[in-house]
Protein backbone atom coordinates (compact mmCIF):
# COMPACT_ATOMS: atom_id res chain seq x y z
CA MET A 1 -7.02 2.27 27.69
CA ASN A 2 -4.75 5.06 26.50
CA ARG A 3 -4.68 5.40 22.73
CA TRP A 4 -1.77 6.31 20.49
CA PRO A 5 -2.22 9.83 19.01
CA VAL A 6 -2.24 9.84 15.21
CA ILE A 7 -1.35 12.41 12.56
CA VAL A 8 -2.59 11.72 9.02
CA LEU A 9 -0.83 13.53 6.17
CA GLY A 10 -2.29 14.26 2.74
CA GLY A 11 -5.65 14.67 4.36
CA THR A 12 -8.11 15.07 1.46
CA GLY A 13 -6.96 12.25 -0.85
CA TYR A 14 -8.69 8.90 -1.20
CA VAL A 15 -5.99 6.99 0.68
CA ALA A 16 -6.00 9.53 3.51
CA GLY A 17 -9.78 9.22 3.70
CA GLU A 18 -9.41 5.47 4.21
CA MET A 19 -6.72 6.05 6.83
CA LEU A 20 -9.08 8.38 8.70
CA ARG A 21 -11.87 5.80 8.52
CA LEU A 22 -9.63 2.99 9.77
CA VAL A 23 -8.16 5.07 12.60
CA ALA A 24 -11.67 5.99 13.77
CA ALA A 25 -12.51 2.30 14.19
CA HIS A 26 -9.16 1.23 15.64
CA PRO A 27 -9.29 0.42 19.37
CA ALA A 28 -5.72 1.59 20.06
CA LEU A 29 -5.49 4.73 17.90
CA GLU A 30 -6.91 8.23 18.19
CA LEU A 31 -6.81 10.92 15.51
CA ARG A 32 -5.20 14.14 16.71
CA ALA A 33 -4.50 15.88 13.40
CA ALA A 34 -5.48 15.44 9.76
CA VAL A 35 -3.09 17.63 7.79
CA SER A 36 -4.24 19.32 4.58
CA THR A 37 -2.50 22.38 3.19
CA SER A 38 -5.41 23.29 0.93
CA GLN A 39 -8.26 22.58 3.37
CA ALA A 40 -6.85 23.70 6.74
CA GLY A 41 -9.71 24.83 8.96
CA GLU A 42 -12.37 23.04 6.93
CA PRO A 43 -14.37 20.16 8.46
CA ILE A 44 -13.16 16.68 7.56
CA ALA A 45 -16.75 15.85 6.71
CA SER A 46 -16.74 18.53 4.01
CA ALA A 47 -14.23 16.43 2.04
CA PHE A 48 -15.51 13.05 3.20
CA GLN A 49 -19.22 13.23 3.89
CA HIS A 50 -19.33 9.52 4.73
CA LEU A 51 -16.99 10.21 7.69
CA GLY A 52 -19.44 12.65 9.25
CA PRO A 53 -20.56 10.17 11.96
CA THR A 54 -16.99 9.58 13.17
CA HIS A 55 -15.41 13.01 12.50
CA ALA A 56 -18.35 15.40 12.94
CA ASP A 57 -16.35 17.91 14.99
CA ASP A 58 -12.91 17.40 13.44
CA CYS A 59 -11.28 19.83 11.01
CA PHE A 60 -8.22 19.63 8.81
CA VAL A 61 -5.17 21.50 10.12
CA SER A 62 -2.03 22.95 8.59
CA LEU A 63 1.31 21.22 8.98
CA ASP A 64 2.50 24.07 11.22
CA ALA A 65 -0.46 23.49 13.53
CA ALA A 66 0.33 19.78 13.71
CA LEU A 67 3.98 20.54 14.50
CA GLU A 68 2.91 22.74 17.39
CA HIS A 69 1.09 19.82 19.04
CA LEU A 70 3.99 17.35 19.06
CA HIS A 71 5.06 18.31 22.59
CA GLU A 72 1.68 17.18 23.94
CA ALA A 73 2.46 13.45 23.77
CA PRO A 74 5.65 11.40 24.17
CA HIS A 75 4.97 9.15 21.17
CA TRP A 76 3.02 9.81 17.96
CA VAL A 77 1.91 7.70 15.03
CA VAL A 78 2.24 9.34 11.60
CA LEU A 79 0.41 7.94 8.58
CA SER A 80 1.40 9.62 5.34
CA ALA A 81 -0.77 9.67 2.23
CA ALA A 82 0.96 12.82 0.99
CA PRO A 83 1.93 12.90 -2.71
CA HIS A 84 5.05 11.24 -4.06
CA GLY A 85 7.97 13.63 -3.79
CA ALA A 86 6.27 15.75 -1.12
CA SER A 87 5.78 13.17 1.62
CA ALA A 88 9.46 12.83 2.50
CA GLN A 89 9.97 16.55 3.17
CA ILE A 90 6.86 16.73 5.37
CA ILE A 91 8.07 13.67 7.29
CA ALA A 92 11.50 15.28 7.67
CA ASP A 93 9.89 18.40 9.16
CA LEU A 94 7.90 16.28 11.62
CA ASP A 95 10.97 14.24 12.51
CA ALA A 96 13.04 17.35 13.22
CA GLN A 97 10.33 18.97 15.35
CA ALA A 98 9.69 15.77 17.29
CA SER A 99 13.40 15.52 18.04
CA ASP A 100 13.43 19.12 19.27
CA VAL A 101 10.56 18.55 21.73
CA GLY A 102 11.62 15.06 22.80
CA SER A 103 8.73 13.11 21.25
CA ALA A 104 9.11 9.78 19.46
CA LEU A 105 7.50 9.05 16.09
CA THR A 106 6.31 5.84 14.47
CA ILE A 107 5.88 6.61 10.77
CA VAL A 108 4.34 4.61 7.95
CA ASP A 109 4.53 6.16 4.49
CA ALA A 110 2.17 5.09 1.70
CA SER A 111 3.86 7.29 -0.90
CA ALA A 112 6.80 6.19 -3.06
CA ASP A 113 9.34 8.29 -1.17
CA PHE A 114 10.77 5.51 1.02
CA ARG A 115 10.29 2.46 -1.22
CA PHE A 116 13.90 2.53 -2.42
CA GLU A 117 16.84 2.23 -0.03
CA ASP A 118 19.05 4.06 -2.55
CA ALA A 119 18.50 7.80 -3.12
CA GLU A 120 20.08 7.56 -6.57
CA LEU A 121 17.66 4.87 -7.67
CA PHE A 122 14.76 6.98 -6.42
CA ALA A 123 16.05 9.92 -8.46
CA GLU A 124 16.44 7.73 -11.54
CA VAL A 125 12.85 6.44 -11.35
CA TYR A 126 11.08 9.61 -10.16
CA GLY A 127 13.19 12.24 -11.90
CA GLN A 128 14.02 14.29 -8.81
CA ALA A 129 16.50 14.24 -5.96
CA HIS A 130 15.27 12.57 -2.81
CA PRO A 131 13.96 15.29 -0.45
CA ALA A 132 15.16 13.59 2.76
CA SER A 133 17.80 11.01 1.88
CA ALA A 134 19.19 10.99 5.45
CA LEU A 135 15.96 9.33 6.60
CA LEU A 136 16.09 6.43 4.12
CA ARG A 137 18.01 4.20 6.56
CA LYS A 138 15.16 4.57 9.08
CA PHE A 139 12.58 2.96 6.76
CA ARG A 140 12.02 -0.54 5.40
CA CYS A 141 9.58 -1.14 2.57
CA ALA A 142 7.80 -4.46 2.08
CA VAL A 143 4.43 -6.14 1.95
CA PRO A 144 3.87 -6.93 5.67
CA GLU A 145 3.44 -10.64 4.98
CA GLN A 146 6.84 -10.74 3.27
CA LEU A 147 9.03 -9.37 6.07
CA ALA A 148 9.13 -11.50 9.21
CA ALA A 149 10.87 -8.89 11.36
CA ILE A 150 11.45 -5.19 10.83
CA ASP A 151 14.67 -3.62 12.10
CA THR A 152 13.84 0.06 11.48
CA PRO A 153 11.65 2.48 13.46
CA HIS A 154 9.52 3.30 10.42
CA ALA A 155 8.00 1.48 7.46
CA ALA A 156 6.94 2.20 3.89
CA HIS A 157 4.14 0.32 2.17
CA PRO A 158 4.50 -0.67 -1.52
CA GLY A 159 2.04 0.80 -4.00
CA CYS A 160 -1.24 -0.88 -4.83
CA PHE A 161 -0.10 -2.40 -8.13
CA ALA A 162 3.21 -3.35 -6.49
CA THR A 163 1.46 -5.11 -3.62
CA ALA A 164 -0.71 -7.13 -6.01
CA MET A 165 2.37 -8.20 -7.99
CA LEU A 166 4.60 -8.91 -4.99
CA LEU A 167 1.99 -11.16 -3.39
CA ALA A 168 2.36 -13.47 -6.41
CA LEU A 169 6.00 -12.94 -7.38
CA VAL A 170 7.83 -13.39 -4.09
CA PRO A 171 6.54 -16.89 -3.20
CA LEU A 172 7.15 -18.10 -6.77
CA VAL A 173 10.78 -16.95 -6.61
CA LYS A 174 11.29 -18.01 -3.00
CA HIS A 175 10.07 -21.56 -3.61
CA GLY A 176 12.02 -22.02 -6.87
CA LEU A 177 8.91 -22.62 -8.96
CA CYS A 178 10.11 -20.64 -11.99
CA GLY A 179 12.12 -22.01 -14.87
CA GLU A 180 13.41 -18.48 -15.48
CA LEU A 181 12.98 -15.26 -13.52
CA SER A 182 11.29 -13.31 -16.31
CA PHE A 183 7.73 -12.30 -15.43
CA GLN A 184 4.88 -10.73 -17.39
CA VAL A 185 2.09 -9.00 -15.50
CA SER A 186 -1.19 -7.59 -16.79
CA ALA A 187 -3.26 -5.76 -14.17
CA VAL A 188 -6.46 -3.71 -14.06
CA THR A 189 -7.13 -1.02 -11.43
CA GLY A 190 -10.11 1.03 -10.37
CA SER A 191 -10.36 4.77 -10.89
CA THR A 192 -9.57 5.62 -7.25
CA GLY A 193 -6.00 4.54 -8.00
CA ALA A 194 -5.57 7.69 -10.09
CA GLY A 195 -6.22 9.97 -7.12
CA ARG A 196 -8.91 12.49 -6.32
CA THR A 197 -8.03 15.25 -8.81
CA PRO A 198 -10.16 14.73 -11.96
CA ARG A 199 -8.29 13.85 -15.15
CA ASP A 200 -9.30 12.85 -18.66
CA THR A 201 -8.70 9.19 -17.83
CA THR A 202 -10.76 9.31 -14.62
CA HIS A 203 -13.67 11.38 -15.94
CA HIS A 204 -16.77 9.17 -15.67
CA PRO A 205 -17.91 9.32 -19.32
CA VAL A 206 -14.44 8.14 -20.38
CA ARG A 207 -13.88 5.54 -17.66
CA GLN A 208 -17.38 4.02 -17.50
CA SER A 209 -17.79 0.86 -19.67
CA ASN A 210 -14.21 1.31 -20.84
CA LEU A 211 -10.88 -0.49 -20.51
CA PHE A 212 -7.48 0.76 -21.69
CA ALA A 213 -3.77 0.26 -21.03
CA TYR A 214 -1.43 3.05 -19.99
CA GLN A 215 2.33 3.42 -19.41
CA ALA A 216 2.69 -0.04 -20.93
CA LEU A 217 6.07 -1.64 -20.17
CA LYS A 218 7.38 1.58 -18.61
CA HIS A 219 5.36 2.05 -15.42
CA ARG A 220 7.38 3.30 -12.44
CA HIS A 221 6.13 0.47 -10.23
CA ALA A 222 8.15 -2.07 -12.24
CA PRO A 223 11.57 -1.06 -10.85
CA GLU A 224 10.04 -0.83 -7.35
CA VAL A 225 8.75 -4.39 -7.63
CA CYS A 226 12.10 -5.65 -8.91
CA SER A 227 13.91 -3.96 -6.02
CA LEU A 228 11.47 -5.24 -3.39
CA THR A 229 11.52 -8.76 -4.82
CA ARG A 230 15.30 -8.79 -4.54
CA ALA A 231 15.07 -7.57 -0.93
CA ALA A 232 12.63 -10.40 -0.10
CA THR A 233 14.34 -13.22 -2.04
CA LEU A 234 17.94 -12.13 -2.79
CA ARG A 235 17.19 -12.89 -6.45
CA ASP A 236 17.07 -10.49 -9.38
CA ILE A 237 14.05 -10.70 -11.68
CA GLU A 238 13.00 -9.28 -15.02
CA LEU A 239 9.53 -7.74 -15.10
CA HIS A 240 7.31 -6.69 -18.01
CA PHE A 241 4.27 -4.86 -16.64
CA VAL A 242 1.20 -3.54 -18.45
CA PRO A 243 -1.32 -1.67 -16.24
CA HIS A 244 -4.91 -1.02 -17.33
CA SER A 245 -7.61 1.41 -16.21
CA GLY A 246 -10.84 -0.40 -15.44
CA PRO A 247 -14.49 0.78 -15.37
CA PHE A 248 -14.90 0.51 -11.57
CA ALA A 249 -13.93 2.60 -8.57
CA ARG A 250 -11.90 0.27 -6.35
CA GLY A 251 -9.94 -2.91 -6.64
CA ILE A 252 -7.05 -4.45 -8.58
CA HIS A 253 -7.01 -7.69 -10.53
CA ALA A 254 -3.49 -8.74 -11.56
CA THR A 255 -2.39 -11.75 -13.60
CA THR A 256 1.26 -12.80 -13.36
CA PHE A 257 2.77 -15.15 -15.97
CA VAL A 258 6.08 -17.02 -15.77
CA ARG A 259 7.65 -20.17 -17.21
CA LYS A 260 7.53 -22.96 -14.65
CA ALA A 261 10.39 -25.07 -13.42
CA GLU A 262 10.68 -28.66 -14.64
CA GLY A 263 8.32 -31.09 -12.92
CA ILE A 264 6.07 -28.43 -11.35
CA ASP A 265 2.29 -28.78 -11.63
CA ALA A 266 -0.72 -26.72 -10.49
CA ALA A 267 -0.95 -28.53 -7.16
CA ASP A 268 2.69 -27.73 -6.41
CA VAL A 269 2.12 -24.03 -7.04
CA HIS A 270 -1.08 -23.97 -4.97
CA ASP A 271 0.65 -25.78 -2.10
CA ALA A 272 3.68 -23.47 -2.23
CA LEU A 273 1.52 -20.34 -2.13
CA SER A 274 -0.58 -21.82 0.69
CA GLU A 275 2.53 -22.69 2.68
CA TYR A 276 4.07 -19.24 2.17
CA TYR A 277 0.92 -17.48 3.43
CA ARG A 278 -0.06 -20.12 5.98
CA ASP A 279 0.14 -17.70 8.92
CA SER A 280 -1.07 -14.62 7.02
CA THR A 281 -4.58 -13.64 8.05
CA PHE A 282 -5.08 -11.20 5.19
CA VAL A 283 -3.85 -13.32 2.27
CA ARG A 284 -5.79 -16.38 1.23
CA VAL A 285 -5.02 -18.86 -1.53
CA ASP A 286 -8.19 -20.02 -3.28
CA LYS A 287 -8.84 -23.11 -5.38
CA THR A 288 -10.86 -21.00 -7.82
CA PRO A 289 -10.00 -17.65 -9.46
CA PRO A 290 -10.72 -14.77 -7.05
CA ARG A 291 -13.43 -12.18 -7.70
CA MET A 292 -13.09 -8.52 -6.79
CA LYS A 293 -16.52 -8.29 -5.14
CA ASP A 294 -15.31 -10.85 -2.60
CA ILE A 295 -12.35 -8.64 -1.67
CA VAL A 296 -13.15 -4.96 -2.30
CA ALA A 297 -13.69 -2.77 0.79
CA SER A 298 -11.59 -5.13 2.93
CA ASN A 299 -7.93 -5.52 3.83
CA TYR A 300 -7.86 -9.06 2.46
CA ALA A 301 -6.21 -10.31 -0.72
CA ALA A 302 -6.86 -13.50 -2.66
CA LEU A 303 -4.58 -15.55 -4.92
CA HIS A 304 -5.14 -18.45 -7.29
CA ALA A 305 -2.70 -20.33 -9.53
CA ALA A 306 -3.21 -22.11 -12.84
CA VAL A 307 -0.67 -24.16 -14.82
CA ASP A 308 -0.78 -25.16 -18.48
CA GLY A 309 2.17 -26.57 -20.39
CA ASP A 310 5.24 -24.67 -19.27
CA THR A 311 3.32 -21.60 -18.00
CA ILE A 312 2.25 -20.59 -14.51
CA ALA A 313 -0.44 -17.92 -14.15
CA VAL A 314 -1.16 -16.46 -10.71
CA PHE A 315 -4.20 -14.22 -10.21
CA SER A 316 -4.12 -11.73 -7.34
CA VAL A 317 -6.99 -9.52 -6.23
CA LEU A 318 -7.01 -6.78 -3.60
CA ASP A 319 -8.55 -3.41 -2.75
CA ASN A 320 -6.16 -0.74 -3.99
CA LEU A 321 -7.10 1.73 -1.23
CA LEU A 322 -6.94 -0.79 1.63
CA LYS A 323 -4.57 -3.74 1.27
CA GLY A 324 -2.75 -1.74 -1.40
CA ALA A 325 -2.42 1.43 0.69
CA ALA A 326 -4.24 2.46 3.90
CA GLY A 327 -4.97 -1.03 5.26
CA GLY A 328 -1.46 -2.31 4.57
CA SER A 329 -0.11 0.81 6.26
CA LEU A 330 -2.23 0.10 9.35
CA GLN A 331 -0.78 -3.42 9.42
CA TRP A 332 2.66 -1.84 9.68
CA VAL A 333 1.48 0.51 12.44
CA ASN A 334 0.18 -2.46 14.41
CA ARG A 335 3.47 -4.31 14.05
CA LEU A 336 5.69 -1.33 14.84
CA LEU A 337 3.67 -0.59 17.99
CA GLY A 338 3.72 -4.23 19.11
CA LEU A 339 -0.02 -4.67 18.63
CA GLY A 340 -1.72 -7.61 16.95
CA GLU A 341 -1.21 -7.21 13.20
CA THR A 342 -4.93 -7.62 12.49
CA GLU A 343 -6.09 -5.02 15.02
CA GLY A 344 -8.87 -2.87 13.52
CA LEU A 345 -8.62 -4.49 10.08
CA THR A 346 -10.65 -7.70 10.06
CA SER A 347 -13.95 -6.44 8.61
CA PRO A 348 -14.87 -8.68 5.65
CA ALA A 349 -15.59 -7.47 2.13
CA ALA A 350 -18.95 -5.85 1.43
CA GLY A 351 -19.76 -8.50 -1.19
CA TRP A 352 -22.22 -6.47 -3.25
CA LEU A 353 -20.43 -3.13 -3.37
């Protein structure tokens, strides 16, 4: 069977490493170029030793080298894990070159650059003009399970925190379970969510056996989540979000609180979540609170709801690098190419990672 040729952008980051690992195991995809400006010419295994068995002879390439290969195939898949603010310009360069040589592109961006449909809103949140605003109309951003059909050639995947929140928020709003659309979310993420470059807050002596909040009530994912919730439900919400850094490498545990509608009980919320995700292979609704060890290192997510008095609490757990980034992006690739959405993604969690 012929495989779709793949270009991975942002080659040496954690999310790109997971994209490379997933592509290597995907029956319909074949890596042709892993782009890294800083590591061009270096073996992929020098940055990701665990990928040595699947990428022993592969090296990172420059963007110019990748552009030169576009004429070699009529249709390419591009997976971008390039940094926020840089991804859009790289994608624009690829798009222009592909147009010049007559090749088609299917692009999925895991950065923030195509999460907003409005260039002005992007500039307001990220403090810079959008690098490729003409391309915004070619992208749709959503959690795959929350968009039945996509009408654009490309897709953007929400961030890891955003995915964890949206999995809980959208069904609650859609099914009218909330007495008011004002949500509070407290979420804890692993250190891989901060990227590969060492920082004070990711240095092991600081992070190990520690827990602390950051960017409380002003994190940039909050306006993204509000925008994406409106796109999925046509309802405006208010969101108060406090993220925390946890003492582990991968995973997100998010707790979403909201006042319930009159007459709603825990069974109603469980049934509504179960109905919403009935046909979603990667999202399960549990009768007990989910644990990260049952999810981490997989593309699955787990939800559980509790109700007390007038309050609903929904717990959502996922792997920040997979369901929250690389794995969710591969879901979009599968859908855009007309493949089965679960292709190459059904490995279960490690359990004792």
